[in-house]
């Protein structure tokens, strides 16, 4: 399907829709194109730090965390 055909197909489907909530979602997606899935730099820094911690072995397994949590609940 060419770009022109795709646009025409989308226009036709939208013209047939009567679901306001769905159309608002589509409008938000189109309005925010390029902004969706952009991770803020401060979050990326945290992700990078977490990756480095994992490489350094500085983390708890789920089992270790559950044991600590159980102990914390008892105290």
Protein backbone atom coordinates (compact mmCIF):
# COMPACT_ATOMS: atom_id res chain seq x y z
CA UNK A 1 0.00 0.00 0.00
CA UNK A 2 1.40 3.38 -0.96
CA UNK A 3 1.45 6.34 1.39
CA UNK A 4 -1.38 8.00 -0.55
CA UNK A 5 -3.47 4.82 -0.39
CA UNK A 6 -2.80 4.46 3.33
CA UNK A 7 -3.86 8.06 4.04
CA UNK A 8 -7.02 7.63 1.96
CA UNK A 9 -7.86 4.41 3.80
CA UNK A 10 -7.36 6.04 7.19
CA UNK A 11 -9.47 9.06 6.21
CA UNK A 12 -12.30 6.81 5.08
CA UNK A 13 -12.23 4.81 8.31
CA UNK A 14 -12.17 7.94 10.46
CA UNK A 15 -15.08 9.46 8.53
CA UNK A 16 -17.14 6.35 9.33
CA UNK A 17 -16.36 6.39 13.08
CA UNK A 18 -18.86 7.66 15.64
CA UNK A 19 -16.78 6.77 18.71
CA UNK A 20 -15.79 10.11 20.24
CA UNK A 21 -13.45 8.58 22.82
CA UNK A 22 -11.52 6.66 20.17
CA UNK A 23 -11.33 9.72 17.92
CA UNK A 24 -9.99 11.79 20.83
CA UNK A 25 -7.27 9.19 21.37
CA UNK A 26 -6.34 9.30 17.69
CA UNK A 27 -6.29 13.11 17.78
CA UNK A 28 -4.01 13.07 20.83
CA UNK A 29 -1.66 10.62 19.13
CA UNK A 30 -1.49 12.76 15.98
CA UNK A 31 -1.06 15.99 17.96
CA UNK A 32 1.73 14.48 20.07
CA UNK A 33 3.54 12.66 17.26
CA UNK A 34 7.21 12.63 18.12
CA UNK A 35 6.54 13.23 21.81
CA UNK A 36 5.12 9.79 22.47
CA UNK A 37 7.63 7.36 23.96
CA UNK A 38 10.24 10.06 24.53
CA UNK A 39 11.90 9.35 27.84
CA UNK A 40 12.98 12.44 29.80
CA UNK A 41 16.73 12.75 30.30
CA UNK A 42 16.49 12.43 34.09
CA UNK A 43 14.70 9.08 33.63
CA UNK A 44 17.31 7.95 31.12
CA UNK A 45 20.01 8.79 33.67
CA UNK A 46 18.26 6.54 36.19
CA UNK A 47 17.98 3.75 33.64
CA UNK A 48 21.67 4.03 32.80
CA UNK A 49 22.55 3.95 36.49
CA UNK A 50 20.41 0.85 36.96
CA UNK A 51 22.12 -0.87 34.04
CA UNK A 52 25.51 -0.03 35.54
CA UNK A 53 24.39 -1.35 38.95
CA UNK A 54 23.36 -4.64 37.32
CA UNK A 55 26.73 -4.92 35.55
CA UNK A 56 28.44 -4.31 38.91
CA UNK A 57 26.28 -6.92 40.64
CA UNK A 58 24.75 -4.23 42.88
CA UNK A 59 21.17 -5.48 43.08
CA UNK A 60 18.83 -7.81 44.98
CA UNK A 61 17.16 -10.86 43.47
CA UNK A 62 13.40 -11.11 43.85
CA UNK A 63 13.92 -13.87 46.40
CA UNK A 64 16.26 -11.66 48.46
CA UNK A 65 13.81 -8.79 48.29
CA UNK A 66 10.91 -10.98 49.43
CA UNK A 67 12.96 -12.21 52.41
CA UNK A 68 13.85 -8.64 53.37
CA UNK A 69 10.21 -7.59 52.99
CA UNK A 70 8.97 -10.45 55.17
CA UNK A 71 11.54 -9.53 57.83
CA UNK A 72 10.53 -5.89 57.63
CA UNK A 73 6.86 -6.80 58.13
CA UNK A 74 7.71 -8.84 61.23
CA UNK A 75 9.77 -6.05 62.84
